[in-house]
Amino acid sequence: MTKSARRKTSRLVLCLHNDDYETSLELRKIYQAVPDREAEAHEQIRVIDESGDDYLYPASFFTPIELPRSVREAVLAAV
């Protein structure tokens, strides 16, 4: 999936936990979550982490967030 396609289909999530993933995830940081139905069926979430690639993490580590359109666009442009 291209970067622009990921922006259109992704949602934003806030990291609440990073147990065993301190290098890959920063607490209280906003991340892009990429749709992955199979991962969701296993209580996981596909997130573009600090490496810039998407990986699976426990869904309980994150909470979805809604931002005003202008803020969402600014956040997605920065990642």
PDB file of N, CA and C in Angstrom:
ATOM      1  N   MET A   1       0.849  -1.175   0.000  1.00  0.00           N
ATOM      2  CA  MET A   1       0.000   0.000   0.000  1.00  0.00           C
ATOM      3  C   MET A   1       0.896   1.241   0.000  1.00  0.00           C
ATOM      4  N   THR A   2       0.583   2.180  -0.868  1.00  0.00           N
ATOM      5  CA  THR A   2       1.393   3.394  -0.953  1.00  0.00           C
ATOM      6  C   THR A   2       1.124   4.297   0.240  1.00  0.00           C
ATOM      7  N   LYS A   3       2.025   5.223   0.466  1.00  0.00           N
ATOM      8  CA  LYS A   3       1.886   6.145   1.584  1.00  0.00           C
ATOM      9  C   LYS A   3       0.607   6.967   1.478  1.00  0.00           C
ATOM     10  N   SER A   4       0.266   7.455   0.288  1.00  0.00           N
ATOM     11  CA  SER A   4      -0.949   8.249   0.135  1.00  0.00           C
ATOM     12  C   SER A   4      -2.200   7.402   0.340  1.00  0.00           C
ATOM     13  N   ALA A   5      -2.175   6.141  -0.092  1.00  0.00           N
ATOM     14  CA  ALA A   5      -3.317   5.253   0.130  1.00  0.00           C
ATOM     15  C   ALA A   5      -3.490   4.955   1.613  1.00  0.00           C
ATOM     16  N   ARG A   6      -2.371   4.790   2.320  1.00  0.00           N
ATOM     17  CA  ARG A   6      -2.448   4.538   3.764  1.00  0.00           C
ATOM     18  C   ARG A   6      -3.053   5.727   4.486  1.00  0.00           C
ATOM     19  N   ARG A   7      -2.725   6.940   4.056  1.00  0.00           N
ATOM     20  CA  ARG A   7      -3.274   8.146   4.691  1.00  0.00           C
ATOM     21  C   ARG A   7      -4.786   8.195   4.564  1.00  0.00           C
ATOM     22  N   LYS A   8      -5.299   7.830   3.393  1.00  0.00           N
ATOM     23  CA  LYS A   8      -6.734   7.910   3.143  1.00  0.00           C
ATOM     24  C   LYS A   8      -7.518   6.867   3.932  1.00  0.00           C
ATOM     25  N   THR A   9      -6.957   5.684   4.110  1.00  0.00           N
ATOM     26  CA  THR A   9      -7.691   4.597   4.744  1.00  0.00           C
ATOM     27  C   THR A   9      -7.340   4.396   6.209  1.00  0.00           C
ATOM     28  N   SER A  10      -6.343   5.088   6.696  1.00  0.00           N
ATOM     29  CA  SER A  10      -5.901   4.854   8.067  1.00  0.00           C
ATOM     30  C   SER A  10      -6.725   5.655   9.058  1.00  0.00           C
ATOM     31  N   ARG A  11      -6.600   5.252  10.308  1.00  0.00           N
ATOM     32  CA  ARG A  11      -7.191   6.017  11.406  1.00  0.00           C
ATOM     33  C   ARG A  11      -6.065   6.387  12.347  1.00  0.00           C
ATOM     34  N   LEU A  12      -6.343   7.300  13.219  1.00  0.00           N
ATOM     35  CA  LEU A  12      -5.330   7.741  14.169  1.00  0.00           C
ATOM     36  C   LEU A  12      -5.616   7.122  15.526  1.00  0.00           C
ATOM     37  N   VAL A  13      -4.543   6.693  16.190  1.00  0.00           N
ATOM     38  CA  VAL A  13      -4.657   6.086  17.512  1.00  0.00           C
ATOM     39  C   VAL A  13      -3.603   6.699  18.433  1.00  0.00           C
ATOM     40  N   LEU A  14      -3.894   6.692  19.710  1.00  0.00           N
ATOM     41  CA  LEU A  14      -2.986   7.211  20.726  1.00  0.00           C
ATOM     42  C   LEU A  14      -2.399   6.026  21.485  1.00  0.00           C
ATOM     43  N   CYS A  15      -1.083   6.017  21.638  1.00  0.00           N
ATOM     44  CA  CYS A  15      -0.402   4.929  22.341  1.00  0.00           C
ATOM     45  C   CYS A  15      -0.557   5.104  23.857  1.00  0.00           C
ATOM     46  N   LEU A  16      -1.124   4.092  24.497  1.00  0.00           N
ATOM     47  CA  LEU A  16      -1.331   4.108  25.951  1.00  0.00           C
ATOM     48  C   LEU A  16      -0.355   3.203  26.696  1.00  0.00           C
ATOM     49  N   HIS A  17       0.158   2.194  26.006  1.00  0.00           N
ATOM     50  CA  HIS A  17       1.087   1.219  26.593  1.00  0.00           C
ATOM     51  C   HIS A  17       2.141   0.868  25.554  1.00  0.00           C
ATOM     52  N   ASN A  18       3.343   0.572  26.027  1.00  0.00           N
ATOM     53  CA  ASN A  18       4.400   0.122  25.099  1.00  0.00           C
ATOM     54  C   ASN A  18       5.252  -0.984  25.717  1.00  0.00           C
ATOM     55  N   ASP A  19       4.659  -1.741  26.635  1.00  0.00           N
ATOM     56  CA  ASP A  19       5.374  -2.828  27.302  1.00  0.00           C
ATOM     57  C   ASP A  19       6.083  -3.722  26.283  1.00  0.00           C
ATOM     58  N   ASP A  20       7.381  -3.911  26.472  1.00  0.00           N
ATOM     59  CA  ASP A  20       8.234  -4.731  25.596  1.00  0.00           C
ATOM     60  C   ASP A  20       8.465  -4.127  24.208  1.00  0.00           C
ATOM     61  N   TYR A  21       7.963  -2.914  23.952  1.00  0.00           N
ATOM     62  CA  TYR A  21       8.137  -2.259  22.648  1.00  0.00           C
ATOM     63  C   TYR A  21       8.593  -0.809  22.811  1.00  0.00           C
ATOM     64  N   GLU A  22       9.378  -0.523  23.840  1.00  0.00           N
ATOM     65  CA  GLU A  22       9.774   0.851  24.147  1.00  0.00           C
ATOM     66  C   GLU A  22      10.521   1.524  22.996  1.00  0.00           C
ATOM     67  N   THR A  23      11.246   0.767  22.206  1.00  0.00           N
ATOM     68  CA  THR A  23      11.992   1.318  21.080  1.00  0.00           C
ATOM     69  C   THR A  23      11.077   1.635  19.903  1.00  0.00           C
ATOM     70  N   SER A  24      10.031   0.853  19.748  1.00  0.00           N
ATOM     71  CA  SER A  24       9.144   0.983  18.595  1.00  0.00           C
ATOM     72  C   SER A  24       7.969   1.919  18.811  1.00  0.00           C
ATOM     73  N   LEU A  25       7.550   2.080  20.070  1.00  0.00           N
ATOM     74  CA  LEU A  25       6.360   2.879  20.379  1.00  0.00           C
ATOM     75  C   LEU A  25       6.654   3.872  21.492  1.00  0.00           C
ATOM     76  N   GLU A  26       6.190   5.099  21.315  1.00  0.00           N
ATOM     77  CA  GLU A  26       6.326   6.120  22.349  1.00  0.00           C
ATOM     78  C   GLU A  26       4.975   6.326  23.018  1.00  0.00           C
ATOM     79  N   LEU A  27       4.983   6.321  24.337  1.00  0.00           N
ATOM     80  CA  LEU A  27       3.752   6.570  25.078  1.00  0.00           C
ATOM     81  C   LEU A  27       3.198   7.953  24.747  1.00  0.00           C
ATOM     82  N   ARG A  28       1.883   8.050  24.689  1.00  0.00           N
ATOM     83  CA  ARG A  28       1.148   9.299  24.449  1.00  0.00           C
ATOM     84  C   ARG A  28       1.416   9.903  23.070  1.00  0.00           C
ATOM     85  N   LYS A  29       1.924   9.116  22.141  1.00  0.00           N
ATOM     86  CA  LYS A  29       2.156   9.597  20.792  1.00  0.00           C
ATOM     87  C   LYS A  29       1.017   9.134  19.878  1.00  0.00           C
ATOM     88  N   ILE A  30       0.697   9.958  18.888  1.00  0.00           N
ATOM     89  CA  ILE A  30      -0.317   9.612  17.903  1.00  0.00           C
ATOM     90  C   ILE A  30       0.332   8.815  16.780  1.00  0.00           C
ATOM     91  N   TYR A  31      -0.301   7.688  16.438  1.00  0.00           N
ATOM     92  CA  TYR A  31       0.177   6.825  15.363  1.00  0.00           C
ATOM     93  C   TYR A  31      -0.927   6.603  14.340  1.00  0.00           C
ATOM     94  N   GLN A  32      -0.507   6.236  13.134  1.00  0.00           N
ATOM     95  CA  GLN A  32      -1.410   5.833  12.079  1.00  0.00           C
ATOM     96  C   GLN A  32      -1.672   4.346  12.201  1.00  0.00           C
ATOM     97  N   ALA A  33      -2.929   3.954  12.218  1.00  0.00           N
ATOM     98  CA  ALA A  33      -3.297   2.548  12.208  1.00  0.00           C
ATOM     99  C   ALA A  33      -3.819   2.205  10.819  1.00  0.00           C
ATOM    100  N   VAL A  34      -3.297   1.148  10.250  1.00  0.00           N
ATOM    101  CA  VAL A  34      -3.675   0.717   8.913  1.00  0.00           C
ATOM    102  C   VAL A  34      -4.737  -0.378   9.043  1.00  0.00           C
ATOM    103  N   PRO A  35      -5.811  -0.319   8.242  1.00  0.00           N
ATOM    104  CA  PRO A  35      -6.852  -1.355   8.336  1.00  0.00           C
ATOM    105  C   PRO A  35      -6.287  -2.753   8.103  1.00  0.00           C
ATOM    106  N   ASP A  36      -6.672  -3.678   8.972  1.00  0.00           N
ATOM    107  CA  ASP A  36      -6.257  -5.078   8.846  1.00  0.00           C
ATOM    108  C   ASP A  36      -7.292  -5.918   9.586  1.00  0.00           C
ATOM    109  N   ARG A  37      -8.275  -6.416   8.873  1.00  0.00           N
ATOM    110  CA  ARG A  37      -9.380  -7.173   9.490  1.00  0.00           C
ATOM    111  C   ARG A  37      -8.907  -8.450  10.182  1.00  0.00           C
ATOM    112  N   GLU A  38      -7.931  -9.108   9.587  1.00  0.00           N
ATOM    113  CA  GLU A  38      -7.423 -10.337  10.200  1.00  0.00           C
ATOM    114  C   GLU A  38      -6.767 -10.037  11.545  1.00  0.00           C
ATOM    115  N   ALA A  39      -5.993  -8.966  11.604  1.00  0.00           N
ATOM    116  CA  ALA A  39      -5.349  -8.575  12.861  1.00  0.00           C
ATOM    117  C   ALA A  39      -6.405  -8.243  13.916  1.00  0.00           C
ATOM    118  N   GLU A  40      -7.434  -7.496  13.518  1.00  0.00           N
ATOM    119  CA  GLU A  40      -8.494  -7.114  14.455  1.00  0.00           C
ATOM    120  C   GLU A  40      -9.207  -8.334  15.021  1.00  0.00           C
ATOM    121  N   ALA A  41      -9.352  -9.368  14.208  1.00  0.00           N
ATOM    122  CA  ALA A  41      -9.991 -10.604  14.677  1.00  0.00           C
ATOM    123  C   ALA A  41      -9.180 -11.275  15.782  1.00  0.00           C
ATOM    124  N   HIS A  42      -7.897 -10.944  15.849  1.00  0.00           N
ATOM    125  CA  HIS A  42      -7.000 -11.504  16.871  1.00  0.00           C
ATOM    126  C   HIS A  42      -6.630 -10.467  17.926  1.00  0.00           C
ATOM    127  N   GLU A  43      -7.460  -9.407  18.034  1.00  0.00           N
ATOM    128  CA  GLU A  43      -7.261  -8.329  19.015  1.00  0.00           C
ATOM    129  C   GLU A  43      -5.908  -7.657  18.866  1.00  0.00           C
ATOM    130  N   GLN A  44      -5.494  -7.485  17.604  1.00  0.00           N
ATOM    131  CA  GLN A  44      -4.263  -6.772  17.292  1.00  0.00           C
ATOM    132  C   GLN A  44      -4.592  -5.587  16.394  1.00  0.00           C
ATOM    133  N   ILE A  45      -3.620  -4.712  16.239  1.00  0.00           N
ATOM    134  CA  ILE A  45      -3.783  -3.533  15.402  1.00  0.00           C
ATOM    135  C   ILE A  45      -2.490  -3.331  14.613  1.00  0.00           C
ATOM    136  N   ARG A  46      -2.631  -2.969  13.348  1.00  0.00           N
ATOM    137  CA  ARG A  46      -1.464  -2.717  12.499  1.00  0.00           C
ATOM    138  C   ARG A  46      -1.163  -1.229  12.552  1.00  0.00           C
ATOM    139  N   VAL A  47       0.015  -0.877  13.077  1.00  0.00           N
ATOM    140  CA  VAL A  47       0.397   0.509  13.318  1.00  0.00           C
ATOM    141  C   VAL A  47       1.708   0.828  12.617  1.00  0.00           C
ATOM    142  N   ILE A  48       1.794   2.014  12.051  1.00  0.00           N
ATOM    143  CA  ILE A  48       3.060   2.487  11.493  1.00  0.00           C
ATOM    144  C   ILE A  48       3.847   3.038  12.677  1.00  0.00           C
ATOM    145  N   ASP A  49       4.885   2.325  13.064  1.00  0.00           N
ATOM    146  CA  ASP A  49       5.621   2.669  14.282  1.00  0.00           C
ATOM    147  C   ASP A  49       6.823   3.567  14.001  1.00  0.00           C
ATOM    148  N   GLU A  50       7.731   3.662  14.948  1.00  0.00           N
ATOM    149  CA  GLU A  50       8.899   4.546  14.843  1.00  0.00           C
ATOM    150  C   GLU A  50       9.842   4.167  13.703  1.00  0.00           C
ATOM    151  N   SER A  51       9.764   2.928  13.230  1.00  0.00           N
ATOM    152  CA  SER A  51      10.617   2.504  12.118  1.00  0.00           C
ATOM    153  C   SER A  51      10.102   3.043  10.781  1.00  0.00           C
ATOM    154  N   GLY A  52       8.840   3.472  10.768  1.00  0.00           N
ATOM    155  CA  GLY A  52       8.225   3.943   9.533  1.00  0.00           C
ATOM    156  C   GLY A  52       7.502   2.842   8.783  1.00  0.00           C
ATOM    157  N   ASP A  53       7.574   1.615   9.298  1.00  0.00           N
ATOM    158  CA  ASP A  53       6.882   0.479   8.695  1.00  0.00           C
ATOM    159  C   ASP A  53       5.707   0.092   9.577  1.00  0.00           C
ATOM    160  N   ASP A  54       4.784  -0.678   9.007  1.00  0.00           N
ATOM    161  CA  ASP A  54       3.629  -1.097   9.808  1.00  0.00           C
ATOM    162  C   ASP A  54       3.868  -2.482  10.403  1.00  0.00           C
ATOM    163  N   TYR A  55       3.514  -2.608  11.674  1.00  0.00           N
ATOM    164  CA  TYR A  55       3.669  -3.859  12.419  1.00  0.00           C
ATOM    165  C   TYR A  55       2.442  -4.083  13.274  1.00  0.00           C
ATOM    166  N   LEU A  56       2.255  -5.324  13.687  1.00  0.00           N
ATOM    167  CA  LEU A  56       1.134  -5.665  14.556  1.00  0.00           C
ATOM    168  C   LEU A  56       1.506  -5.479  16.017  1.00  0.00           C
ATOM    169  N   TYR A  57       0.556  -4.919  16.757  1.00  0.00           N
ATOM    170  CA  TYR A  57       0.691  -4.721  18.201  1.00  0.00           C
ATOM    171  C   TYR A  57      -0.629  -5.082  18.864  1.00  0.00           C
ATOM    172  N   PRO A  58      -0.616  -5.344  20.170  1.00  0.00           N
ATOM    173  CA  PRO A  58      -1.883  -5.581  20.868  1.00  0.00           C
ATOM    174  C   PRO A  58      -2.787  -4.344  20.743  1.00  0.00           C
ATOM    175  N   ALA A  59      -4.040  -4.564  20.387  1.00  0.00           N
ATOM    176  CA  ALA A  59      -4.978  -3.449  20.242  1.00  0.00           C
ATOM    177  C   ALA A  59      -5.162  -2.697  21.561  1.00  0.00           C
ATOM    178  N   SER A  60      -4.973  -3.385  22.671  1.00  0.00           N
ATOM    179  CA  SER A  60      -5.143  -2.749  23.988  1.00  0.00           C
ATOM    180  C   SER A  60      -4.082  -1.683  24.272  1.00  0.00           C
ATOM    181  N   PHE A  61      -3.038  -1.629  23.470  1.00  0.00           N
ATOM    182  CA  PHE A  61      -1.995  -0.618  23.646  1.00  0.00           C
ATOM    183  C   PHE A  61      -2.443   0.760  23.150  1.00  0.00           C
ATOM    184  N   PHE A  62      -3.549   0.816  22.400  1.00  0.00           N
ATOM    185  CA  PHE A  62      -3.955   2.047  21.728  1.00  0.00           C
ATOM    186  C   PHE A  62      -5.423   2.359  21.969  1.00  0.00           C
ATOM    187  N   THR A  63      -5.751   3.633  21.787  1.00  0.00           N
ATOM    188  CA  THR A  63      -7.149   4.055  21.755  1.00  0.00           C
ATOM    189  C   THR A  63      -7.336   4.931  20.521  1.00  0.00           C
ATOM    190  N   PRO A  64      -8.441   4.731  19.798  1.00  0.00           N
ATOM    191  CA  PRO A  64      -8.683   5.566  18.616  1.00  0.00           C
ATOM    192  C   PRO A  64      -8.967   7.005  19.031  1.00  0.00           C
ATOM    193  N   ILE A  65      -8.570   7.942  18.197  1.00  0.00           N
ATOM    194  CA  ILE A  65      -8.849   9.352  18.469  1.00  0.00           C
ATOM    195  C   ILE A  65      -9.426  10.005  17.222  1.00  0.00           C
ATOM    196  N   GLU A  66     -10.263  11.005  17.435  1.00  0.00           N
ATOM    197  CA  GLU A  66     -10.831  11.810  16.362  1.00  0.00           C
ATOM    198  C   GLU A  66     -10.272  13.218  16.496  1.00  0.00           C
ATOM    199  N   LEU A  67      -9.839  13.773  15.390  1.00  0.00           N
ATOM    200  CA  LEU A  67      -9.294  15.125  15.373  1.00  0.00           C
ATOM    201  C   LEU A  67     -10.036  15.942  14.323  1.00  0.00           C
ATOM    202  N   PRO A  68     -10.101  17.260  14.500  1.00  0.00           N
ATOM    203  CA  PRO A  68     -10.667  18.095  13.441  1.00  0.00           C
ATOM    204  C   PRO A  68      -9.896  17.862  12.139  1.00  0.00           C
ATOM    205  N   ARG A  69     -10.571  18.017  11.018  1.00  0.00           N
ATOM    206  CA  ARG A  69      -9.975  17.712   9.712  1.00  0.00           C
ATOM    207  C   ARG A  69      -8.627  18.387   9.506  1.00  0.00           C
ATOM    208  N   SER A  70      -8.521  19.667   9.816  1.00  0.00           N
ATOM    209  CA  SER A  70      -7.255  20.383   9.580  1.00  0.00           C
ATOM    210  C   SER A  70      -6.126  19.813  10.441  1.00  0.00           C
ATOM    211  N   VAL A  71      -6.441  19.430  11.661  1.00  0.00           N
ATOM    212  CA  VAL A  71      -5.433  18.848  12.549  1.00  0.00           C
ATOM    213  C   VAL A  71      -5.056  17.456  12.057  1.00  0.00           C
ATOM    214  N   ARG A  72      -6.051  16.669  11.667  1.00  0.00           N
ATOM    215  CA  ARG A  72      -5.778  15.322  11.133  1.00  0.00           C
ATOM    216  C   ARG A  72      -4.861  15.402   9.917  1.00  0.00           C
ATOM    217  N   GLU A  73      -5.147  16.310   9.000  1.00  0.00           N
ATOM    218  CA  GLU A  73      -4.312  16.458   7.807  1.00  0.00           C
ATOM    219  C   GLU A  73      -2.879  16.863   8.165  1.00  0.00           C
ATOM    220  N   ALA A  74      -2.743  17.733   9.160  1.00  0.00           N
ATOM    221  CA  ALA A  74      -1.405  18.157   9.584  1.00  0.00           C
ATOM    222  C   ALA A  74      -0.650  16.986  10.214  1.00  0.00           C
ATOM    223  N   VAL A  75      -1.331  16.195  11.031  1.00  0.00           N
ATOM    224  CA  VAL A  75      -0.690  15.039  11.665  1.00  0.00           C
ATOM    225  C   VAL A  75      -0.266  14.027  10.596  1.00  0.00           C
ATOM    226  N   LEU A  76      -1.149  13.717   9.669  1.00  0.00           N
ATOM    227  CA  LEU A  76      -0.815  12.743   8.626  1.00  0.00           C
ATOM    228  C   LEU A  76       0.289  13.239   7.704  1.00  0.00           C
ATOM    229  N   ALA A  77       0.355  14.526   7.485  1.00  0.00           N
ATOM    230  CA  ALA A  77       1.427  15.078   6.643  1.00  0.00           C
ATOM    231  C   ALA A  77       2.781  14.970   7.335  1.00  0.00           C
ATOM    232  N   ALA A  78       2.774  14.920   8.647  1.00  0.00           N
ATOM    233  CA  ALA A  78       4.026  14.879   9.410  1.00  0.00           C
ATOM    234  C   ALA A  78       4.588  13.463   9.545  1.00  0.00           C
ATOM    235  N   VAL A  79       3.773  12.453   9.271  1.00  0.00           N
ATOM    236  CA  VAL A  79       4.253  11.070   9.428  1.00  0.00           C
ATOM    237  C   VAL A  79       4.724  10.493   8.127  1.00  0.00           C
TER     238      VAL A  79
END
